[in-house]
Amino acid sequence: KDSICVFSSRSGNTKEIVAAAKFC
């Protein structure tokens, strides 16, 4: 919970990115 999780996405709907952001 103390990690900072950084994401980038052009579409904003890439399945793996959305799922990982929710996971974090």
mmCIF file of all heavy atoms, coordinates in Angstrom:
data_MODEL
# 
_entry.id   MODEL 
# 
loop_
_atom_site.group_PDB 
_atom_site.id 
_atom_site.type_symbol 
_atom_site.label_atom_id 
_atom_site.label_alt_id 
_atom_site.label_comp_id 
_atom_site.label_asym_id 
_atom_site.label_entity_id 
_atom_site.label_seq_id 
_atom_site.pdbx_PDB_ins_code 
_atom_site.Cartn_x 
_atom_site.Cartn_y 
_atom_site.Cartn_z 
_atom_site.occupancy 
_atom_site.B_iso_or_equiv 
_atom_site.pdbx_formal_charge 
_atom_site.auth_seq_id 
_atom_site.auth_comp_id 
_atom_site.auth_asym_id 
_atom_site.auth_atom_id 
_atom_site.pdbx_PDB_model_num 
ATOM 1   N N   . LYS A 1 1  ? 0.829   -1.212 0.000   1.00 0.00 ? 1  LYS A N   1 
ATOM 2   C CA  . LYS A 1 1  ? 0.000   0.000  0.000   1.00 0.00 ? 1  LYS A CA  1 
ATOM 3   C C   . LYS A 1 1  ? 0.857   1.253  0.000   1.00 0.00 ? 1  LYS A C   1 
ATOM 4   O O   . LYS A 1 1  ? 0.365   2.355  -0.299  1.00 0.00 ? 1  LYS A O   1 
ATOM 5   C CB  . LYS A 1 1  ? -0.921  0.000  1.223   1.00 0.00 ? 1  LYS A CB  1 
ATOM 6   C CG  . LYS A 1 1  ? -0.209  0.067  2.558   1.00 0.00 ? 1  LYS A CG  1 
ATOM 7   C CD  . LYS A 1 1  ? -1.183  0.113  3.709   1.00 0.00 ? 1  LYS A CD  1 
ATOM 8   C CE  . LYS A 1 1  ? -0.475  0.150  5.050   1.00 0.00 ? 1  LYS A CE  1 
ATOM 9   N NZ  . LYS A 1 1  ? 0.436   1.300  5.211   1.00 0.00 ? 1  LYS A NZ  1 
ATOM 10  N N   . ASP A 1 2  ? 2.135   1.112  0.299   1.00 0.00 ? 2  ASP A N   1 
ATOM 11  C CA  . ASP A 1 2  ? 3.038   2.267  0.311   1.00 0.00 ? 2  ASP A CA  1 
ATOM 12  C C   . ASP A 1 2  ? 3.722   2.488  -1.035  1.00 0.00 ? 2  ASP A C   1 
ATOM 13  O O   . ASP A 1 2  ? 4.528   3.413  -1.182  1.00 0.00 ? 2  ASP A O   1 
ATOM 14  C CB  . ASP A 1 2  ? 4.103   2.093  1.397   1.00 0.00 ? 2  ASP A CB  1 
ATOM 15  C CG  . ASP A 1 2  ? 3.498   2.060  2.793   1.00 0.00 ? 2  ASP A CG  1 
ATOM 16  O OD1 . ASP A 1 2  ? 2.590   2.857  3.058   1.00 0.00 ? 2  ASP A OD1 1 
ATOM 17  O OD2 . ASP A 1 2  ? 3.935   1.223  3.607   1.00 0.00 ? 2  ASP A OD2 1 
ATOM 18  N N   . SER A 1 3  ? 3.418   1.626  -2.016  1.00 0.00 ? 3  SER A N   1 
ATOM 19  C CA  . SER A 1 3  ? 3.997   1.783  -3.354  1.00 0.00 ? 3  SER A CA  1 
ATOM 20  C C   . SER A 1 3  ? 3.273   2.886  -4.124  1.00 0.00 ? 3  SER A C   1 
ATOM 21  O O   . SER A 1 3  ? 2.083   3.118  -3.921  1.00 0.00 ? 3  SER A O   1 
ATOM 22  C CB  . SER A 1 3  ? 3.878   0.468  -4.136  1.00 0.00 ? 3  SER A CB  1 
ATOM 23  O OG  . SER A 1 3  ? 4.597   -0.565 -3.506  1.00 0.00 ? 3  SER A OG  1 
ATOM 24  N N   . ILE A 1 4  ? 3.996   3.538  -5.003  1.00 0.00 ? 4  ILE A N   1 
ATOM 25  C CA  . ILE A 1 4  ? 3.406   4.473  -5.957  1.00 0.00 ? 4  ILE A CA  1 
ATOM 26  C C   . ILE A 1 4  ? 3.360   3.750  -7.298  1.00 0.00 ? 4  ILE A C   1 
ATOM 27  O O   . ILE A 1 4  ? 4.384   3.270  -7.788  1.00 0.00 ? 4  ILE A O   1 
ATOM 28  C CB  . ILE A 1 4  ? 4.251   5.755  -6.083  1.00 0.00 ? 4  ILE A CB  1 
ATOM 29  C CG1 . ILE A 1 4  ? 4.434   6.411  -4.711  1.00 0.00 ? 4  ILE A CG1 1 
ATOM 30  C CG2 . ILE A 1 4  ? 3.610   6.725  -7.081  1.00 0.00 ? 4  ILE A CG2 1 
ATOM 31  C CD1 . ILE A 1 4  ? 3.142   6.750  -3.999  1.00 0.00 ? 4  ILE A CD1 1 
ATOM 32  N N   . CYS A 1 5  ? 2.173   3.655  -7.890  1.00 0.00 ? 5  CYS A N   1 
ATOM 33  C CA  . CYS A 1 5  ? 1.983   2.883  -9.115  1.00 0.00 ? 5  CYS A CA  1 
ATOM 34  C C   . CYS A 1 5  ? 1.693   3.827  -10.276 1.00 0.00 ? 5  CYS A C   1 
ATOM 35  O O   . CYS A 1 5  ? 0.722   4.592  -10.232 1.00 0.00 ? 5  CYS A O   1 
ATOM 36  C CB  . CYS A 1 5  ? 0.855   1.878  -8.940  1.00 0.00 ? 5  CYS A CB  1 
ATOM 37  S SG  . CYS A 1 5  ? 1.183   0.710  -7.595  1.00 0.00 ? 5  CYS A SG  1 
ATOM 38  N N   . VAL A 1 6  ? 2.529   3.766  -11.292 1.00 0.00 ? 6  VAL A N   1 
ATOM 39  C CA  . VAL A 1 6  ? 2.511   4.719  -12.402 1.00 0.00 ? 6  VAL A CA  1 
ATOM 40  C C   . VAL A 1 6  ? 2.026   4.020  -13.669 1.00 0.00 ? 6  VAL A C   1 
ATOM 41  O O   . VAL A 1 6  ? 2.557   2.970  -14.047 1.00 0.00 ? 6  VAL A O   1 
ATOM 42  C CB  . VAL A 1 6  ? 3.911   5.319  -12.627 1.00 0.00 ? 6  VAL A CB  1 
ATOM 43  C CG1 . VAL A 1 6  ? 3.882   6.325  -13.772 1.00 0.00 ? 6  VAL A CG1 1 
ATOM 44  C CG2 . VAL A 1 6  ? 4.431   5.968  -11.340 1.00 0.00 ? 6  VAL A CG2 1 
ATOM 45  N N   . PHE A 1 7  ? 1.033   4.620  -14.320 1.00 0.00 ? 7  PHE A N   1 
ATOM 46  C CA  . PHE A 1 7  ? 0.448   4.050  -15.530 1.00 0.00 ? 7  PHE A CA  1 
ATOM 47  C C   . PHE A 1 7  ? 0.412   5.100  -16.641 1.00 0.00 ? 7  PHE A C   1 
ATOM 48  O O   . PHE A 1 7  ? 0.298   6.295  -16.374 1.00 0.00 ? 7  PHE A O   1 
ATOM 49  C CB  . PHE A 1 7  ? -0.989  3.578  -15.268 1.00 0.00 ? 7  PHE A CB  1 
ATOM 50  C CG  . PHE A 1 7  ? -1.107  2.496  -14.242 1.00 0.00 ? 7  PHE A CG  1 
ATOM 51  C CD1 . PHE A 1 7  ? -1.274  2.807  -12.894 1.00 0.00 ? 7  PHE A CD1 1 
ATOM 52  C CD2 . PHE A 1 7  ? -1.054  1.162  -14.606 1.00 0.00 ? 7  PHE A CD2 1 
ATOM 53  C CE1 . PHE A 1 7  ? -1.383  1.810  -11.937 1.00 0.00 ? 7  PHE A CE1 1 
ATOM 54  C CE2 . PHE A 1 7  ? -1.162  0.151  -13.664 1.00 0.00 ? 7  PHE A CE2 1 
ATOM 55  C CZ  . PHE A 1 7  ? -1.331  0.479  -12.324 1.00 0.00 ? 7  PHE A CZ  1 
ATOM 56  N N   . SER A 1 8  ? 0.456   4.606  -17.890 1.00 0.00 ? 8  SER A N   1 
ATOM 57  C CA  . SER A 1 8  ? 0.257   5.458  -19.065 1.00 0.00 ? 8  SER A CA  1 
ATOM 58  C C   . SER A 1 8  ? -0.639  4.707  -20.034 1.00 0.00 ? 8  SER A C   1 
ATOM 59  O O   . SER A 1 8  ? -0.506  3.488  -20.193 1.00 0.00 ? 8  SER A O   1 
ATOM 60  C CB  . SER A 1 8  ? 1.581   5.766  -19.763 1.00 0.00 ? 8  SER A CB  1 
ATOM 61  O OG  . SER A 1 8  ? 2.501   6.369  -18.897 1.00 0.00 ? 8  SER A OG  1 
ATOM 62  N N   . SER A 1 9  ? -1.550  5.426  -20.692 1.00 0.00 ? 9  SER A N   1 
ATOM 63  C CA  . SER A 1 9  ? -2.427  4.767  -21.656 1.00 0.00 ? 9  SER A CA  1 
ATOM 64  C C   . SER A 1 9  ? -2.944  5.783  -22.659 1.00 0.00 ? 9  SER A C   1 
ATOM 65  O O   . SER A 1 9  ? -3.414  6.854  -22.266 1.00 0.00 ? 9  SER A O   1 
ATOM 66  C CB  . SER A 1 9  ? -3.610  4.104  -20.945 1.00 0.00 ? 9  SER A CB  1 
ATOM 67  O OG  . SER A 1 9  ? -4.489  3.503  -21.876 1.00 0.00 ? 9  SER A OG  1 
ATOM 68  N N   . ARG A 1 10 ? -2.840  5.440  -23.940 1.00 0.00 ? 10 ARG A N   1 
ATOM 69  C CA  . ARG A 1 10 ? -3.432  6.309  -24.961 1.00 0.00 ? 10 ARG A CA  1 
ATOM 70  C C   . ARG A 1 10 ? -4.940  6.180  -24.949 1.00 0.00 ? 10 ARG A C   1 
ATOM 71  O O   . ARG A 1 10 ? -5.667  7.157  -24.829 1.00 0.00 ? 10 ARG A O   1 
ATOM 72  C CB  . ARG A 1 10 ? -2.899  5.969  -26.352 1.00 0.00 ? 10 ARG A CB  1 
ATOM 73  C CG  . ARG A 1 10 ? -3.447  6.901  -27.448 1.00 0.00 ? 10 ARG A CG  1 
ATOM 74  C CD  . ARG A 1 10 ? -3.158  6.380  -28.843 1.00 0.00 ? 10 ARG A CD  1 
ATOM 75  N NE  . ARG A 1 10 ? -3.840  5.125  -29.113 1.00 0.00 ? 10 ARG A NE  1 
ATOM 76  C CZ  . ARG A 1 10 ? -5.132  5.018  -29.431 1.00 0.00 ? 10 ARG A CZ  1 
ATOM 77  N NH1 . ARG A 1 10 ? -5.899  6.099  -29.496 1.00 0.00 ? 10 ARG A NH1 1 
ATOM 78  N NH2 . ARG A 1 10 ? -5.660  3.840  -29.667 1.00 0.00 ? 10 ARG A NH2 1 
ATOM 79  N N   . SER A 1 11 ? -5.432  4.950  -25.040 1.00 0.00 ? 11 SER A N   1 
ATOM 80  C CA  . SER A 1 11 ? -6.880  4.719  -25.138 1.00 0.00 ? 11 SER A CA  1 
ATOM 81  C C   . SER A 1 11 ? -7.591  4.902  -23.807 1.00 0.00 ? 11 SER A C   1 
ATOM 82  O O   . SER A 1 11 ? -8.750  5.318  -23.765 1.00 0.00 ? 11 SER A O   1 
ATOM 83  C CB  . SER A 1 11 ? -7.148  3.303  -25.649 1.00 0.00 ? 11 SER A CB  1 
ATOM 84  O OG  . SER A 1 11 ? -6.744  2.342  -24.686 1.00 0.00 ? 11 SER A OG  1 
ATOM 85  N N   . GLY A 1 12 ? -6.913  4.549  -22.727 1.00 0.00 ? 12 GLY A N   1 
ATOM 86  C CA  . GLY A 1 12 ? -7.548  4.584  -21.418 1.00 0.00 ? 12 GLY A CA  1 
ATOM 87  C C   . GLY A 1 12 ? -8.416  3.380  -21.138 1.00 0.00 ? 12 GLY A C   1 
ATOM 88  O O   . GLY A 1 12 ? -9.034  3.289  -20.070 1.00 0.00 ? 12 GLY A O   1 
ATOM 89  N N   . ASN A 1 13 ? -8.451  2.437  -22.080 1.00 0.00 ? 13 ASN A N   1 
ATOM 90  C CA  . ASN A 1 13 ? -9.298  1.259  -21.870 1.00 0.00 ? 13 ASN A CA  1 
ATOM 91  C C   . ASN A 1 13 ? -8.579  -0.062 -22.118 1.00 0.00 ? 13 ASN A C   1 
ATOM 92  O O   . ASN A 1 13 ? -9.228  -1.110 -22.226 1.00 0.00 ? 13 ASN A O   1 
ATOM 93  C CB  . ASN A 1 13 ? -10.563 1.342  -22.733 1.00 0.00 ? 13 ASN A CB  1 
ATOM 94  C CG  . ASN A 1 13 ? -10.266 1.352  -24.229 1.00 0.00 ? 13 ASN A CG  1 
ATOM 95  O OD1 . ASN A 1 13 ? -9.171  1.008  -24.663 1.00 0.00 ? 13 ASN A OD1 1 
ATOM 96  N ND2 . ASN A 1 13 ? -11.240 1.763  -25.025 1.00 0.00 ? 13 ASN A ND2 1 
ATOM 97  N N   . THR A 1 14 ? -7.248  -0.038 -22.227 1.00 0.00 ? 14 THR A N   1 
ATOM 98  C CA  . THR A 1 14 ? -6.496  -1.289 -22.379 1.00 0.00 ? 14 THR A CA  1 
ATOM 99  C C   . THR A 1 14 ? -6.793  -2.192 -21.186 1.00 0.00 ? 14 THR A C   1 
ATOM 100 O O   . THR A 1 14 ? -6.596  -1.793 -20.035 1.00 0.00 ? 14 THR A O   1 
ATOM 101 C CB  . THR A 1 14 ? -4.989  -1.009 -22.465 1.00 0.00 ? 14 THR A CB  1 
ATOM 102 O OG1 . THR A 1 14 ? -4.737  -0.055 -23.497 1.00 0.00 ? 14 THR A OG1 1 
ATOM 103 C CG2 . THR A 1 14 ? -4.212  -2.286 -22.745 1.00 0.00 ? 14 THR A CG2 1 
ATOM 104 N N   . LYS A 1 15 ? -7.261  -3.404 -21.456 1.00 0.00 ? 15 LYS A N   1 
ATOM 105 C CA  . LYS A 1 15 ? -7.768  -4.267 -20.390 1.00 0.00 ? 15 LYS A CA  1 
ATOM 106 C C   . LYS A 1 15 ? -6.757  -4.501 -19.274 1.00 0.00 ? 15 LYS A C   1 
ATOM 107 O O   . LYS A 1 15 ? -7.089  -4.417 -18.087 1.00 0.00 ? 15 LYS A O   1 
ATOM 108 C CB  . LYS A 1 15 ? -8.235  -5.610 -20.969 1.00 0.00 ? 15 LYS A CB  1 
ATOM 109 C CG  . LYS A 1 15 ? -9.496  -5.510 -21.807 1.00 0.00 ? 15 LYS A CG  1 
ATOM 110 C CD  . LYS A 1 15 ? -9.928  -6.873 -22.322 1.00 0.00 ? 15 LYS A CD  1 
ATOM 111 C CE  . LYS A 1 15 ? -11.210 -6.763 -23.138 1.00 0.00 ? 15 LYS A CE  1 
ATOM 112 N NZ  . LYS A 1 15 ? -11.651 -8.095 -23.661 1.00 0.00 ? 15 LYS A NZ  1 
ATOM 113 N N   . GLU A 1 16 ? -5.514  -4.830 -19.654 1.00 0.00 ? 16 GLU A N   1 
ATOM 114 C CA  . GLU A 1 16 ? -4.511  -5.117 -18.628 1.00 0.00 ? 16 GLU A CA  1 
ATOM 115 C C   . GLU A 1 16 ? -4.207  -3.898 -17.769 1.00 0.00 ? 16 GLU A C   1 
ATOM 116 O O   . GLU A 1 16 ? -3.982  -4.020 -16.566 1.00 0.00 ? 16 GLU A O   1 
ATOM 117 C CB  . GLU A 1 16 ? -3.218  -5.624 -19.282 1.00 0.00 ? 16 GLU A CB  1 
ATOM 118 C CG  . GLU A 1 16 ? -3.343  -6.945 -20.014 1.00 0.00 ? 16 GLU A CG  1 
ATOM 119 C CD  . GLU A 1 16 ? -3.573  -6.786 -21.495 1.00 0.00 ? 16 GLU A CD  1 
ATOM 120 O OE1 . GLU A 1 16 ? -4.214  -5.776 -21.892 1.00 0.00 ? 16 GLU A OE1 1 
ATOM 121 O OE2 . GLU A 1 16 ? -3.110  -7.642 -22.258 1.00 0.00 ? 16 GLU A OE2 1 
ATOM 122 N N   . ILE A 1 17 ? -4.198  -2.726 -18.391 1.00 0.00 ? 17 ILE A N   1 
ATOM 123 C CA  . ILE A 1 17 ? -3.886  -1.502 -17.652 1.00 0.00 ? 17 ILE A CA  1 
ATOM 124 C C   . ILE A 1 17 ? -5.023  -1.142 -16.691 1.00 0.00 ? 17 ILE A C   1 
ATOM 125 O O   . ILE A 1 17 ? -4.788  -0.808 -15.520 1.00 0.00 ? 17 ILE A O   1 
ATOM 126 C CB  . ILE A 1 17 ? -3.611  -0.334 -18.620 1.00 0.00 ? 17 ILE A CB  1 
ATOM 127 C CG1 . ILE A 1 17 ? -2.394  -0.645 -19.492 1.00 0.00 ? 17 ILE A CG1 1 
ATOM 128 C CG2 . ILE A 1 17 ? -3.410  0.973  -17.856 1.00 0.00 ? 17 ILE A CG2 1 
ATOM 129 C CD1 . ILE A 1 17 ? -1.112  -0.871 -18.739 1.00 0.00 ? 17 ILE A CD1 1 
ATOM 130 N N   . VAL A 1 18 ? -6.254  -1.233 -17.167 1.00 0.00 ? 18 VAL A N   1 
ATOM 131 C CA  . VAL A 1 18 ? -7.401  -0.940 -16.300 1.00 0.00 ? 18 VAL A CA  1 
ATOM 132 C C   . VAL A 1 18 ? -7.428  -1.911 -15.131 1.00 0.00 ? 18 VAL A C   1 
ATOM 133 O O   . VAL A 1 18 ? -7.615  -1.509 -13.967 1.00 0.00 ? 18 VAL A O   1 
ATOM 134 C CB  . VAL A 1 18 ? -8.719  -1.010 -17.102 1.00 0.00 ? 18 VAL A CB  1 
ATOM 135 C CG1 . VAL A 1 18 ? -9.918  -0.822 -16.172 1.00 0.00 ? 18 VAL A CG1 1 
ATOM 136 C CG2 . VAL A 1 18 ? -8.737  0.047  -18.203 1.00 0.00 ? 18 VAL A CG2 1 
ATOM 137 N N   . ALA A 1 19 ? -7.233  -3.197 -15.409 1.00 0.00 ? 19 ALA A N   1 
ATOM 138 C CA  . ALA A 1 19 ? -7.267  -4.210 -14.344 1.00 0.00 ? 19 ALA A CA  1 
ATOM 139 C C   . ALA A 1 19 ? -6.142  -3.993 -13.340 1.00 0.00 ? 19 ALA A C   1 
ATOM 140 O O   . ALA A 1 19 ? -6.343  -4.118 -12.118 1.00 0.00 ? 19 ALA A O   1 
ATOM 141 C CB  . ALA A 1 19 ? -7.173  -5.610 -14.955 1.00 0.00 ? 19 ALA A CB  1 
ATOM 142 N N   . ALA A 1 20 ? -4.946  -3.649 -13.820 1.00 0.00 ? 20 ALA A N   1 
ATOM 143 C CA  . ALA A 1 20 ? -3.809  -3.437 -12.917 1.00 0.00 ? 20 ALA A CA  1 
ATOM 144 C C   . ALA A 1 20 ? -4.000  -2.186 -12.072 1.00 0.00 ? 20 ALA A C   1 
ATOM 145 O O   . ALA A 1 20 ? -3.656  -2.167 -10.880 1.00 0.00 ? 20 ALA A O   1 
ATOM 146 C CB  . ALA A 1 20 ? -2.513  -3.347 -13.711 1.00 0.00 ? 20 ALA A CB  1 
ATOM 147 N N   . ALA A 1 21 ? -4.538  -1.132 -12.669 1.00 0.00 ? 21 ALA A N   1 
ATOM 148 C CA  . ALA A 1 21 ? -4.801  0.091  -11.901 1.00 0.00 ? 21 ALA A CA  1 
ATOM 149 C C   . ALA A 1 21 ? -5.821  -0.182 -10.787 1.00 0.00 ? 21 ALA A C   1 
ATOM 150 O O   . ALA A 1 21 ? -5.665  0.280  -9.648  1.00 0.00 ? 21 ALA A O   1 
ATOM 151 C CB  . ALA A 1 21 ? -5.297  1.188  -12.827 1.00 0.00 ? 21 ALA A CB  1 
ATOM 152 N N   . LYS A 1 22 ? -6.857  -0.940 -11.110 1.00 0.00 ? 22 LYS A N   1 
ATOM 153 C CA  . LYS A 1 22 ? -7.857  -1.317 -10.092 1.00 0.00 ? 22 LYS A CA  1 
ATOM 154 C C   . LYS A 1 22 ? -7.213  -2.178 -9.008  1.00 0.00 ? 22 LYS A C   1 
ATOM 155 O O   . LYS A 1 22 ? -7.467  -1.986 -7.807  1.00 0.00 ? 22 LYS A O   1 
ATOM 156 C CB  . LYS A 1 22 ? -9.017  -2.073 -10.729 1.00 0.00 ? 22 LYS A CB  1 
ATOM 157 C CG  . LYS A 1 22 ? -10.123 -2.462 -9.751  1.00 0.00 ? 22 LYS A CG  1 
ATOM 158 C CD  . LYS A 1 22 ? -11.249 -3.195 -10.450 1.00 0.00 ? 22 LYS A CD  1 
ATOM 159 C CE  . LYS A 1 22 ? -12.408 -3.462 -9.487  1.00 0.00 ? 22 LYS A CE  1 
ATOM 160 N NZ  . LYS A 1 22 ? -12.015 -4.266 -8.307  1.00 0.00 ? 22 LYS A NZ  1 
ATOM 161 N N   . PHE A 1 23 ? -6.376  -3.130 -9.415  1.00 0.00 ? 23 PHE A N   1 
ATOM 162 C CA  . PHE A 1 23 ? -5.677  -4.004 -8.480  1.00 0.00 ? 23 PHE A CA  1 
ATOM 163 C C   . PHE A 1 23 ? -4.859  -3.176 -7.481  1.00 0.00 ? 23 PHE A C   1 
ATOM 164 O O   . PHE A 1 23 ? -4.901  -3.425 -6.262  1.00 0.00 ? 23 PHE A O   1 
ATOM 165 C CB  . PHE A 1 23 ? -4.770  -4.952 -9.273  1.00 0.00 ? 23 PHE A CB  1 
ATOM 166 C CG  . PHE A 1 23 ? -3.973  -5.903 -8.438  1.00 0.00 ? 23 PHE A CG  1 
ATOM 167 C CD1 . PHE A 1 23 ? -4.469  -7.149 -8.123  1.00 0.00 ? 23 PHE A CD1 1 
ATOM 168 C CD2 . PHE A 1 23 ? -2.703  -5.562 -7.989  1.00 0.00 ? 23 PHE A CD2 1 
ATOM 169 C CE1 . PHE A 1 23 ? -3.728  -8.050 -7.359  1.00 0.00 ? 23 PHE A CE1 1 
ATOM 170 C CE2 . PHE A 1 23 ? -1.949  -6.438 -7.227  1.00 0.00 ? 23 PHE A CE2 1 
ATOM 171 C CZ  . PHE A 1 23 ? -2.462  -7.685 -6.910  1.00 0.00 ? 23 PHE A CZ  1 
ATOM 172 N N   . CYS A 1 24 ? -4.117  -2.202 -7.994  1.00 0.00 ? 24 CYS A N   1 
ATOM 173 C CA  . CYS A 1 24 ? -3.276  -1.366 -7.128  1.00 0.00 ? 24 CYS A CA  1 
ATOM 174 C C   . CYS A 1 24 ? -4.126  -0.492 -6.214  1.00 0.00 ? 24 CYS A C   1 
ATOM 175 O O   . CYS A 1 24 ? -3.833  -0.336 -5.024  1.00 0.00 ? 24 CYS A O   1 
ATOM 176 C CB  . CYS A 1 24 ? -2.352  -0.502 -7.974  1.00 0.00 ? 24 CYS A CB  1 
ATOM 177 S SG  . CYS A 1 24 ? -1.132  -1.452 -8.908  1.00 0.00 ? 24 CYS A SG  1 
# 
